[in-house]
C-alpha atoms as a PDB file:
ATOM      1  CA  MET A   1     -17.073 -15.651  -5.302  1.00  0.00           C
ATOM      2  CA  THR A   2     -15.418 -12.363  -4.338  1.00  0.00           C
ATOM      3  CA  ASN A   3     -12.079 -10.690  -4.823  1.00  0.00           C
ATOM      4  CA  MET A   4     -10.383  -8.809  -2.019  1.00  0.00           C
ATOM      5  CA  VAL A   5      -8.066  -5.876  -2.685  1.00  0.00           C
ATOM      6  CA  ILE A   6      -5.820  -5.394   0.320  1.00  0.00           C
ATOM      7  CA  GLY A   7      -4.729  -1.776   0.237  1.00  0.00           C
ATOM      8  CA  GLY A   8      -7.672  -0.587  -1.863  1.00  0.00           C
ATOM      9  CA  SER A   9      -7.315   3.046  -0.816  1.00  0.00           C
ATOM     10  CA  GLY A  10      -3.741   3.326  -2.047  1.00  0.00           C
ATOM     11  CA  PHE A  11      -2.411   4.817  -5.270  1.00  0.00           C
ATOM     12  CA  ILE A  12      -2.506   1.578  -7.280  1.00  0.00           C
ATOM     13  CA  GLY A  13      -5.246  -0.077  -5.214  1.00  0.00           C
ATOM     14  CA  ASN A  14      -7.708   2.724  -5.879  1.00  0.00           C
ATOM     15  CA  GLU A  15      -7.145   2.517  -9.644  1.00  0.00           C
ATOM     16  CA  THR A  16      -7.398  -1.280  -9.570  1.00  0.00           C
ATOM     17  CA  LEU A  17     -10.712  -1.150  -7.723  1.00  0.00           C
ATOM     18  CA  LYS A  18     -12.018   1.161 -10.447  1.00  0.00           C
ATOM     19  CA  MET A  19     -10.957  -1.292 -13.152  1.00  0.00           C
ATOM     20  CA  LEU A  20     -12.542  -4.243 -11.326  1.00  0.00           C
ATOM     21  CA  ALA A  21     -15.795  -2.318 -10.839  1.00  0.00           C
ATOM     22  CA  LYS A  22     -15.968  -1.466 -14.565  1.00  0.00           C
ATOM     23  CA  SER A  23     -15.600  -5.187 -15.286  1.00  0.00           C
ATOM     24  CA  GLY A  24     -18.466  -6.020 -12.926  1.00  0.00           C
ATOM     25  CA  ILE A  25     -16.315  -8.089 -10.564  1.00  0.00           C
ATOM     26  CA  ASP A  26     -17.536  -8.287  -6.960  1.00  0.00           C
ATOM     27  CA  THR A  27     -14.746  -6.867  -4.853  1.00  0.00           C
ATOM     28  CA  ILE A  28     -13.999  -6.024  -1.241  1.00  0.00           C
ATOM     29  CA  SER A  29     -11.570  -3.226  -0.443  1.00  0.00           C
ATOM     30  CA  TYR A  30      -9.813  -4.118   2.804  1.00  0.00           C
ATOM     31  CA  ASP A  31      -8.017  -1.111   4.238  1.00  0.00           C
ATOM     32  CA  ILE A  32      -7.970   1.320   7.136  1.00  0.00           C
ATOM     33  CA  ILE A  33      -9.059   4.123   4.784  1.00  0.00           C
ATOM     34  CA  GLN A  34     -12.026   3.973   2.410  1.00  0.00           C
ATOM     35  CA  SER A  35     -11.248   4.007  -1.312  1.00  0.00           C
ATOM     36  CA  ASN A  36     -12.745   6.654  -3.582  1.00  0.00           C
ATOM     37  CA  ASN A  37     -13.942   3.881  -5.875  1.00  0.00           C
ATOM     38  CA  VAL A  38     -16.178   1.913  -3.530  1.00  0.00           C
ATOM     39  CA  GLY A  39     -19.548   1.565  -5.233  1.00  0.00           C
ATOM     40  CA  GLU A  40     -22.307  -0.858  -6.202  1.00  0.00           C
ATOM     41  CA  SER A  41     -20.047  -3.745  -7.246  1.00  0.00           C
ATOM     42  CA  ASN A  42     -17.520  -3.355  -4.454  1.00  0.00           C
ATOM     43  CA  LYS A  43     -17.553  -2.611  -0.750  1.00  0.00           C
ATOM     44  CA  TRP A  44     -15.137  -1.324   1.853  1.00  0.00           C
ATOM     45  CA  ILE A  45     -14.283  -3.176   5.038  1.00  0.00           C
ATOM     46  CA  ARG A  46     -12.195  -1.276   7.524  1.00  0.00           C
ATOM     47  CA  GLY A  47      -9.372  -3.430   8.816  1.00  0.00           C
ATOM     48  CA  ASP A  48      -5.745  -3.496   9.802  1.00  0.00           C
ATOM     49  CA  ILE A  49      -3.658  -5.967   7.807  1.00  0.00           C
ATOM     50  CA  LEU A  50      -1.260  -6.245  10.741  1.00  0.00           C
ATOM     51  CA  GLU A  51      -4.050  -7.798  12.851  1.00  0.00           C
ATOM     52  CA  LEU A  52      -4.185 -11.432  11.741  1.00  0.00           C
ATOM     53  CA  ALA A  53      -7.482 -12.167  13.520  1.00  0.00           C
ATOM     54  CA  SER A  54      -9.174  -9.320  11.637  1.00  0.00           C
ATOM     55  CA  ILE A  55      -8.300 -10.507   8.159  1.00  0.00           C
ATOM     56  CA  GLU A  56      -8.912 -14.147   9.054  1.00  0.00           C
ATOM     57  CA  ARG A  57     -12.447 -13.285  10.185  1.00  0.00           C
ATOM     58  CA  ILE A  58     -13.216 -11.516   6.891  1.00  0.00           C
ATOM     59  CA  PHE A  59     -11.958 -14.487   4.874  1.00  0.00           C
ATOM     60  CA  PHE A  60     -14.315 -16.798   6.721  1.00  0.00           C
ATOM     61  CA  GLU A  61     -17.240 -14.360   6.616  1.00  0.00           C
ATOM     62  CA  TYR A  62     -17.079 -13.775   2.848  1.00  0.00           C
ATOM     63  CA  GLN A  63     -16.489 -16.257   0.036  1.00  0.00           C
ATOM     64  CA  VAL A  64     -13.193 -14.739  -0.990  1.00  0.00           C
ATOM     65  CA  ASP A  65     -11.705 -16.341  -4.091  1.00  0.00           C
ATOM     66  CA  THR A  66      -8.659 -14.204  -4.954  1.00  0.00           C
ATOM     67  CA  ILE A  67      -6.485 -11.759  -3.021  1.00  0.00           C
ATOM     68  CA  LEU A  68      -4.908  -8.761  -4.726  1.00  0.00           C
ATOM     69  CA  HIS A  69      -2.225  -7.632  -2.290  1.00  0.00           C
ATOM     70  CA  LEU A  70      -1.404  -3.962  -2.894  1.00  0.00           C
ATOM     71  CA  VAL A  71      -0.489  -2.687   0.547  1.00  0.00           C
ATOM     72  CA  GLY A  72       3.068  -1.659   1.347  1.00  0.00           C
ATOM     73  CA  LEU A  73       5.517   1.142   2.046  1.00  0.00           C
ATOM     74  CA  PRO A  74       6.904   1.945  -1.425  1.00  0.00           C
ATOM     75  CA  ALA A  75       9.095   4.970  -0.702  1.00  0.00           C
ATOM     76  CA  ILE A  76      12.703   3.771  -0.660  1.00  0.00           C
ATOM     77  CA  ASP A  77      13.898   6.638   1.538  1.00  0.00           C
ATOM     78  CA  SER A  78      11.064   6.055   4.043  1.00  0.00           C
ATOM     79  CA  CYS A  79      12.022   2.377   4.271  1.00  0.00           C
ATOM     80  CA  GLU A  80      15.654   3.303   4.911  1.00  0.00           C
ATOM     81  CA  LYS A  81      14.639   5.712   7.683  1.00  0.00           C
ATOM     82  CA  ASN A  82      12.205   3.286   9.308  1.00  0.00           C
ATOM     83  CA  PRO A  83      13.167  -0.317   8.440  1.00  0.00           C
ATOM     84  CA  ARG A  84      10.870  -1.779  11.099  1.00  0.00           C
ATOM     85  CA  PHE A  85       7.822  -0.075   9.594  1.00  0.00           C
ATOM     86  CA  SER A  86       8.970  -1.222   6.160  1.00  0.00           C
ATOM     87  CA  PHE A  87       9.165  -4.799   7.420  1.00  0.00           C
ATOM     88  CA  LEU A  88       5.686  -4.597   8.921  1.00  0.00           C
ATOM     89  CA  LEU A  89       4.019  -3.242   5.777  1.00  0.00           C
ATOM     90  CA  ASN A  90       6.095  -4.977   3.115  1.00  0.00           C
ATOM     91  CA  VAL A  91       6.662  -8.360   4.770  1.00  0.00           C
ATOM     92  CA  MET A  92       4.355  -8.954   7.753  1.00  0.00           C
ATOM     93  CA  SER A  93       1.313  -7.785   5.792  1.00  0.00           C
ATOM     94  CA  VAL A  94       2.080 -10.564   3.298  1.00  0.00           C
ATOM     95  CA  GLN A  95       2.755 -13.160   6.010  1.00  0.00           C
ATOM     96  CA  ASN A  96      -0.547 -12.334   7.735  1.00  0.00           C
ATOM     97  CA  THR A  97      -2.431 -12.503   4.438  1.00  0.00           C
ATOM     98  CA  LEU A  98      -0.973 -15.886   3.566  1.00  0.00           C
ATOM     99  CA  GLU A  99      -1.652 -17.304   7.012  1.00  0.00           C
ATOM    100  CA  ALA A 100      -5.271 -16.151   6.871  1.00  0.00           C
ATOM    101  CA  MET A 101      -5.540 -17.642   3.364  1.00  0.00           C
ATOM    102  CA  ARG A 102      -4.195 -20.942   4.667  1.00  0.00           C
ATOM    103  CA  MET A 103      -6.694 -21.032   7.525  1.00  0.00           C
ATOM    104  CA  ALA A 104      -9.667 -20.037   5.328  1.00  0.00           C
ATOM    105  CA  ASP A 105      -8.579 -22.146   2.333  1.00  0.00           C
ATOM    106  CA  VAL A 106      -8.285 -19.177  -0.055  1.00  0.00           C
ATOM    107  CA  LYS A 107      -6.137 -20.409  -2.901  1.00  0.00           C
ATOM    108  CA  ARG A 108      -4.996 -17.471  -5.076  1.00  0.00           C
ATOM    109  CA  ILE A 109      -2.972 -14.293  -4.506  1.00  0.00           C
ATOM    110  CA  ILE A 110      -1.787 -11.608  -6.948  1.00  0.00           C
ATOM    111  CA  PHE A 111       1.040  -9.643  -5.367  1.00  0.00           C
ATOM    112  CA  ALA A 112       2.466  -6.195  -6.123  1.00  0.00           C
ATOM    113  CA  SER A 113       6.223  -6.639  -5.963  1.00  0.00           C
ATOM    114  CA  SER A 114       8.851  -4.257  -7.283  1.00  0.00           C
ATOM    115  CA  ALA A 115      11.668  -3.999  -9.808  1.00  0.00           C
ATOM    116  CA  THR A 116      13.885  -3.022  -6.861  1.00  0.00           C
ATOM    117  CA  VAL A 117      14.406  -6.751  -6.232  1.00  0.00           C
ATOM    118  CA  TYR A 118      16.780  -6.679  -9.234  1.00  0.00           C
ATOM    119  CA  GLY A 119      19.019  -4.066  -7.638  1.00  0.00           C
ATOM    120  CA  SER A 120      21.363  -2.245 -10.025  1.00  0.00           C
ATOM    121  CA  GLN A 121      21.540  -4.525 -13.039  1.00  0.00           C
ATOM    122  CA  GLN A 122      24.157  -3.920 -15.710  1.00  0.00           C
ATOM    123  CA  LYS A 123      22.122  -5.876 -18.214  1.00  0.00           C
ATOM    124  CA  THR A 124      19.103  -4.266 -19.853  1.00  0.00           C
ATOM    125  CA  PRO A 125      16.335  -5.017 -20.599  1.00  0.00           C
ATOM    126  CA  THR A 126      15.856  -6.942 -17.374  1.00  0.00           C
ATOM    127  CA  LYS A 127      14.113 -10.310 -17.574  1.00  0.00           C
ATOM    128  CA  GLU A 128      12.232 -12.135 -14.830  1.00  0.00           C
ATOM    129  CA  THR A 129      14.895 -14.860 -14.937  1.00  0.00           C
ATOM    130  CA  ASP A 130      17.761 -12.424 -14.287  1.00  0.00           C
ATOM    131  CA  PRO A 131      19.445 -12.608 -10.853  1.00  0.00           C
ATOM    132  CA  VAL A 132      17.812 -10.695  -8.010  1.00  0.00           C
ATOM    133  CA  ARG A 133      20.323  -8.528  -6.155  1.00  0.00           C
ATOM    134  CA  PRO A 134      18.424  -5.919  -4.105  1.00  0.00           C
ATOM    135  CA  ASN A 135      20.492  -3.061  -2.714  1.00  0.00           C
ATOM    136  CA  THR A 136      17.836  -1.243  -0.661  1.00  0.00           C
ATOM    137  CA  ILE A 137      15.787  -2.122   2.427  1.00  0.00           C
ATOM    138  CA  TYR A 138      12.651  -1.855   0.289  1.00  0.00           C
ATOM    139  CA  GLY A 139      14.047  -4.211  -2.349  1.00  0.00           C
ATOM    140  CA  TYR A 140      15.126  -6.780   0.248  1.00  0.00           C
ATOM    141  CA  HIS A 141      11.733  -6.683   1.965  1.00  0.00           C
ATOM    142  CA  LYS A 142       9.901  -7.130  -1.336  1.00  0.00           C
ATOM    143  CA  LEU A 143      12.109 -10.106  -2.146  1.00  0.00           C
ATOM    144  CA  ILE A 144      11.433 -11.635   1.284  1.00  0.00           C
ATOM    145  CA  ALA A 145       7.707 -11.204   0.613  1.00  0.00           C
ATOM    146  CA  GLU A 146       8.062 -12.937  -2.770  1.00  0.00           C
ATOM    147  CA  GLU A 147       9.903 -15.881  -1.222  1.00  0.00           C
ATOM    148  CA  THR A 148       7.327 -16.152   1.565  1.00  0.00           C
ATOM    149  CA  ILE A 149       4.562 -16.366  -1.040  1.00  0.00           C
ATOM    150  CA  LYS A 150       6.456 -19.080  -2.915  1.00  0.00           C
ATOM    151  CA  SER A 151       6.948 -21.053   0.299  1.00  0.00           C
ATOM    152  CA  TYR A 152       3.182 -21.057   0.942  1.00  0.00           C
ATOM    153  CA  SER A 153       2.586 -22.091  -2.667  1.00  0.00           C
ATOM    154  CA  GLN A 154       4.890 -25.066  -2.250  1.00  0.00           C
ATOM    155  CA  ALA A 155       3.684 -26.073   1.208  1.00  0.00           C
ATOM    156  CA  TYR A 156      -0.054 -25.341   0.992  1.00  0.00           C
ATOM    157  CA  GLY A 157      -0.942 -25.150  -2.697  1.00  0.00           C
ATOM    158  CA  ILE A 158      -1.691 -21.420  -2.758  1.00  0.00           C
ATOM    159  CA  GLU A 159      -1.447 -20.209  -6.347  1.00  0.00           C
ATOM    160  CA  HIS A 160       0.394 -16.947  -6.914  1.00  0.00           C
ATOM    161  CA  VAL A 161       1.064 -14.318  -9.560  1.00  0.00           C
ATOM    162  CA  ILE A 162       3.856 -11.869  -8.702  1.00  0.00           C
ATOM    163  CA  LEU A 163       3.880  -8.599 -10.648  1.00  0.00           C
ATOM    164  CA  ARG A 164       7.205  -6.769 -10.429  1.00  0.00           C
ATOM    165  CA  LEU A 165       6.261  -3.136 -10.960  1.00  0.00           C
ATOM    166  CA  PHE A 166       8.739  -0.693 -12.429  1.00  0.00           C
ATOM    167  CA  ASN A 167       8.430   3.114 -11.968  1.00  0.00           C
ATOM    168  CA  VAL A 168       4.709   3.759 -11.616  1.00  0.00           C
ATOM    169  CA  TYR A 169       3.483   7.298 -12.317  1.00  0.00           C
ATOM    170  CA  GLY A 170       0.116   9.018 -12.676  1.00  0.00           C
ATOM    171  CA  ALA A 171      -0.459   9.893  -9.022  1.00  0.00           C
ATOM    172  CA  ASN A 172      -1.644  13.231  -7.707  1.00  0.00           C
ATOM    173  CA  PRO A 173       1.673  15.118  -7.795  1.00  0.00           C
ATOM    174  CA  HIS A 174       0.824  16.846  -4.527  1.00  0.00           C
ATOM    175  CA  LEU A 175       1.010  13.414  -2.871  1.00  0.00           C
ATOM    176  CA  GLY A 176       3.413  11.444  -5.072  1.00  0.00           C
ATOM    177  CA  LYS A 177       7.045  10.954  -4.055  1.00  0.00           C
ATOM    178  CA  GLU A 178       8.509   9.857  -7.393  1.00  0.00           C
ATOM    179  CA  VAL A 179      10.521  12.167  -9.662  1.00  0.00           C
ATOM    180  CA  ILE A 180       7.642  13.137 -11.971  1.00  0.00           C
ATOM    181  CA  SER A 181       5.513  14.338  -9.046  1.00  0.00           C
ATOM    182  CA  ILE A 182       8.492  16.214  -7.595  1.00  0.00           C
ATOM    183  CA  PHE A 183       9.127  17.976 -10.918  1.00  0.00           C
ATOM    184  CA  ILE A 184       5.452  18.933 -11.311  1.00  0.00           C
ATOM    185  CA  ARG A 185       5.293  20.361  -7.783  1.00  0.00           C
ATOM    186  CA  LYS A 186       8.398  22.451  -8.423  1.00  0.00           C
ATOM    187  CA  ALA A 187       7.069  23.644 -11.770  1.00  0.00           C
ATOM    188  CA  LEU A 188       3.759  24.699 -10.221  1.00  0.00           C
ATOM    189  CA  LYS A 189       5.742  26.863  -7.809  1.00  0.00           C
ATOM    190  CA  GLY A 190       7.833  28.305 -10.639  1.00  0.00           C
ATOM    191  CA  GLU A 191      10.987  26.689  -9.239  1.00  0.00           C
ATOM    192  CA  SER A 192      13.812  25.363 -11.398  1.00  0.00           C
ATOM    193  CA  LEU A 193      14.191  21.607 -11.949  1.00  0.00           C
ATOM    194  CA  THR A 194      17.498  20.174 -10.757  1.00  0.00           C
ATOM    195  CA  VAL A 195      18.369  16.989 -12.630  1.00  0.00           C
ATOM    196  CA  LYS A 196      21.153  15.050 -10.937  1.00  0.00           C
ATOM    197  CA  GLY A 197      22.346  12.752 -13.688  1.00  0.00           C
ATOM    198  CA  PRO A 198      20.301  13.729 -16.765  1.00  0.00           C
ATOM    199  CA  ASN A 199      21.147  10.484 -18.571  1.00  0.00           C
ATOM    200  CA  LYS A 200      19.958   8.248 -15.748  1.00  0.00           C
ATOM    201  CA  PHE A 201      16.936   6.397 -17.044  1.00  0.00           C
ATOM    202  CA  ARG A 202      13.825   4.746 -15.685  1.00  0.00           C
ATOM    203  CA  ASP A 203      11.093   2.516 -17.042  1.00  0.00           C
ATOM    204  CA  PHE A 204       7.976   4.574 -16.343  1.00  0.00           C
ATOM    205  CA  VAL A 205       4.600   2.804 -16.450  1.00  0.00           C
ATOM    206  CA  HIS A 206       1.245   4.526 -15.997  1.00  0.00           C
ATOM    207  CA  VAL A 207      -0.879   3.519 -13.016  1.00  0.00           C
ATOM    208  CA  SER A 208      -3.847   2.708 -15.266  1.00  0.00           C
ATOM    209  CA  ASP A 209      -1.680   0.208 -17.176  1.00  0.00           C
ATOM    210  CA  VAL A 210      -0.625  -1.347 -13.866  1.00  0.00           C
ATOM    211  CA  ALA A 211      -4.280  -1.655 -12.822  1.00  0.00           C
ATOM    212  CA  GLN A 212      -5.055  -3.290 -16.162  1.00  0.00           C
ATOM    213  CA  ALA A 213      -2.302  -5.816 -15.509  1.00  0.00           C
ATOM    214  CA  PHE A 214      -3.857  -6.721 -12.155  1.00  0.00           C
ATOM    215  CA  LEU A 215      -7.280  -7.037 -13.768  1.00  0.00           C
ATOM    216  CA  LYS A 216      -5.973  -9.283 -16.547  1.00  0.00           C
ATOM    217  CA  ALA A 217      -3.999 -11.420 -14.100  1.00  0.00           C
ATOM    218  CA  ASP A 218      -7.168 -11.763 -12.032  1.00  0.00           C
ATOM    219  CA  LEU A 219      -9.308 -12.788 -15.004  1.00  0.00           C
ATOM    220  CA  ASN A 220      -6.772 -15.305 -16.314  1.00  0.00           C
ATOM    221  CA  LYS A 221      -7.380 -18.099 -13.805  1.00  0.00           C
ATOM    222  CA  ARG A 222      -5.026 -20.428 -15.668  1.00  0.00           C
ATOM    223  CA  LEU A 223      -2.130 -18.098 -14.885  1.00  0.00           C
ATOM    224  CA  SER A 224      -0.493 -19.325 -11.705  1.00  0.00           C
ATOM    225  CA  ASN A 225       2.860 -19.585  -9.929  1.00  0.00           C
ATOM    226  CA  THR A 226       4.526 -17.064 -12.198  1.00  0.00           C
ATOM    227  CA  THR A 227       6.373 -13.757 -12.013  1.00  0.00           C
ATOM    228  CA  LEU A 228       5.881 -10.961 -14.555  1.00  0.00           C
ATOM    229  CA  ASN A 229       7.595  -7.633 -15.171  1.00  0.00           C
ATOM    230  CA  ILE A 230       5.139  -4.745 -15.446  1.00  0.00           C
ATOM    231  CA  GLY A 231       6.740  -1.718 -17.080  1.00  0.00           C
ATOM    232  CA  SER A 232       6.600   0.120 -20.372  1.00  0.00           C
ATOM    233  CA  GLY A 233       9.674  -1.610 -21.764  1.00  0.00           C
ATOM    234  CA  THR A 234      11.000   1.834 -22.693  1.00  0.00           C
ATOM    235  CA  LYS A 235      13.936   3.905 -21.434  1.00  0.00           C
ATOM    236  CA  THR A 236      13.100   7.465 -20.399  1.00  0.00           C
ATOM    237  CA  SER A 237      15.921   9.572 -18.998  1.00  0.00           C
ATOM    238  CA  LEU A 238      15.489  12.056 -16.154  1.00  0.00           C
ATOM    239  CA  GLY A 239      16.591  14.771 -18.575  1.00  0.00           C
ATOM    240  CA  GLN A 240      13.781  13.796 -20.945  1.00  0.00           C
ATOM    241  CA  VAL A 241      11.257  13.952 -18.094  1.00  0.00           C
ATOM    242  CA  ALA A 242      12.457  17.443 -17.168  1.00  0.00           C
ATOM    243  CA  ARG A 243      12.118  18.604 -20.780  1.00  0.00           C
ATOM    244  CA  ILE A 244       8.569  17.177 -21.002  1.00  0.00           C
ATOM    245  CA  VAL A 245       7.647  19.153 -17.878  1.00  0.00           C
ATOM    246  CA  LYS A 246       9.235  22.294 -19.340  1.00  0.00           C
ATOM    247  CA  ARG A 247       7.087  22.031 -22.482  1.00  0.00           C
ATOM    248  CA  HIS A 248       4.060  22.625 -20.272  1.00  0.00           C
ATOM    249  CA  PHE A 249       5.814  25.089 -17.971  1.00  0.00           C
ATOM    250  CA  PRO A 250       8.003  27.012 -20.467  1.00  0.00           C
ATOM    251  CA  LYS A 251       9.163  29.625 -17.953  1.00  0.00           C
ATOM    252  CA  ILE A 252      10.933  27.215 -15.630  1.00  0.00           C
ATOM    253  CA  GLU A 253      14.664  26.556 -15.808  1.00  0.00           C
ATOM    254  CA  ILE A 254      16.349  23.138 -15.970  1.00  0.00           C
ATOM    255  CA  LYS A 255      19.637  22.726 -14.106  1.00  0.00           C
ATOM    256  CA  GLU A 256      21.623  19.598 -14.894  1.00  0.00           C
ATOM    257  CA  GLU A 257      24.226  18.289 -12.465  1.00  0.00           C
ATOM    258  CA  PRO A 258      26.643  15.384 -12.964  1.00  0.00           C
ATOM    259  CA  ALA A 259      26.128  12.206 -10.970  1.00  0.00           C
ATOM    260  CA  PRO A 260      28.433   9.207 -10.499  1.00  0.00           C
ATOM    261  CA  ASP A 261      25.712   6.839 -11.741  1.00  0.00           C
ATOM    262  CA  ASP A 262      24.694   8.928 -14.760  1.00  0.00           C
ATOM    263  CA  GLY A 263      23.492   6.737 -17.616  1.00  0.00           C
ATOM    264  CA  THR A 264      22.324   3.884 -15.394  1.00  0.00           C
ATOM    265  CA  GLY A 265      18.890   2.449 -14.692  1.00  0.00           C
ATOM    266  CA  LEU A 266      16.513  -0.460 -15.258  1.00  0.00           C
ATOM    267  CA  ARG A 267      14.311  -1.213 -18.250  1.00  0.00           C
ATOM    268  CA  ALA A 268      11.855  -4.086 -18.186  1.00  0.00           C
ATOM    269  CA  ASP A 269      11.663  -6.930 -20.639  1.00  0.00           C
ATOM    270  CA  ILE A 270       7.854  -7.183 -20.813  1.00  0.00           C
ATOM    271  CA  SER A 271       7.630  -9.892 -23.476  1.00  0.00           C
ATOM    272  CA  LEU A 272       6.226 -12.407 -20.977  1.00  0.00           C
ATOM    273  CA  ALA A 273       3.527  -9.984 -19.777  1.00  0.00           C
ATOM    274  CA  LYS A 274       2.612  -9.226 -23.389  1.00  0.00           C
ATOM    275  CA  LYS A 275       2.298 -12.939 -24.119  1.00  0.00           C
ATOM    276  CA  THR A 276       0.390 -14.030 -21.020  1.00  0.00           C
ATOM    277  CA  LEU A 277      -1.695 -10.906 -20.281  1.00  0.00           C
ATOM    278  CA  ARG A 278      -1.769  -9.219 -23.691  1.00  0.00           C
ATOM    279  CA  PHE A 279      -0.233  -6.312 -21.808  1.00  0.00           C
ATOM    280  CA  ALA A 280      -0.005  -3.161 -23.952  1.00  0.00           C
ATOM    281  CA  PRO A 281       1.343  -0.225 -21.909  1.00  0.00           C
ATOM    282  CA  THR A 282       1.142   3.444 -22.820  1.00  0.00           C
ATOM    283  CA  ASP A 283       4.210   5.044 -24.376  1.00  0.00           C
ATOM    284  CA  PRO A 284       5.668   7.004 -21.439  1.00  0.00           C
ATOM    285  CA  LYS A 285       6.580  10.010 -23.611  1.00  0.00           C
ATOM    286  CA  HIS A 286       2.893  10.532 -24.343  1.00  0.00           C
ATOM    287  CA  GLY A 287       1.641   9.351 -20.951  1.00  0.00           C
ATOM    288  CA  ILE A 288       3.971  11.609 -18.951  1.00  0.00           C
ATOM    289  CA  SER A 289       3.145  14.612 -21.172  1.00  0.00           C
ATOM    290  CA  GLU A 290      -0.579  13.987 -20.716  1.00  0.00           C
ATOM    291  CA  HIS A 291      -0.140  13.632 -16.970  1.00  0.00           C
ATOM    292  CA  VAL A 292       1.859  16.870 -16.653  1.00  0.00           C
ATOM    293  CA  ALA A 293      -0.612  18.747 -18.856  1.00  0.00           C
ATOM    294  CA  ARG A 294      -3.479  17.784 -16.573  1.00  0.00           C
ATOM    295  CA  TYR A 295      -1.911  19.823 -13.807  1.00  0.00           C
ATOM    296  CA  ALA A 296      -0.397  22.545 -15.944  1.00  0.00           C
ATOM    297  CA  GLY A 297      -3.740  23.340 -17.547  1.00  0.00           C
ATOM    298  CA  SER A 298      -2.011  23.487 -20.939  1.00  0.00           C
ATOM    299  CA  LYS A 299      -2.854  21.874 -24.240  1.00  0.00           C
ATOM    300  CA  LEU A 300      -1.591  18.378 -24.895  1.00  0.00           C
ATOM    301  CA  ASP A 301       1.090  17.856 -27.524  1.00  0.00           C
END
């Protein structure tokens, strides 16, 4: 049997393909763009997830056992500017996948959801059983996708594992849109880092840890119809991130500005992921420093 990674050329998809290949798992990368990690144990099939007939044909042509759905439009600001495109990538891509699975009798999907489904929680750490109150287009669309998956599980017996990802880092900072990439790009140009709300915190999780979570969820076939938080379980403030970057770029200046939501953020309760997946994420203080150093060309702490 074969796994299919939908969105295999993306930031997380590419890393997940690499992990699957190292484990010797036969995998198909289904995407418009070829992944860098297509090799002997995995292959690339060019396809558009928004074309139902295309994905349905692949499911019938290959003995696909499990779907790892990693396609989407993750940038919150991009989703706000283009909600239709967000709906297509974050919701319709899931609907098309599930419908093709139903037709081809593929019974398992592992889905990359997001901590944005929780909205702005006052309670921390955030558990999977806490209320979902999205307050962005992206968060709403991810929640719709989750509920669509659950509806197909109930109606057609499709097993699912939903991984709610927190703030994933480790991307090429020249391409990444999250705060760590932004800070690195500014530092490389010698520009000052403006921190709006230095006490605002995030739960940063390295992309390799996220890929490991997908691999472990894939290998654990007894794990089904469950939702797991995937984060580090650690608070890291934006001020701390800026100071980590400065250690590797000592000449840059940090400018802190007040923000009405200073001191707020989400931190994951990852006890369930630790129990079911033996999930052991990297400490973000070390992981972020290592990531910044790779581009600064400086020694690691």
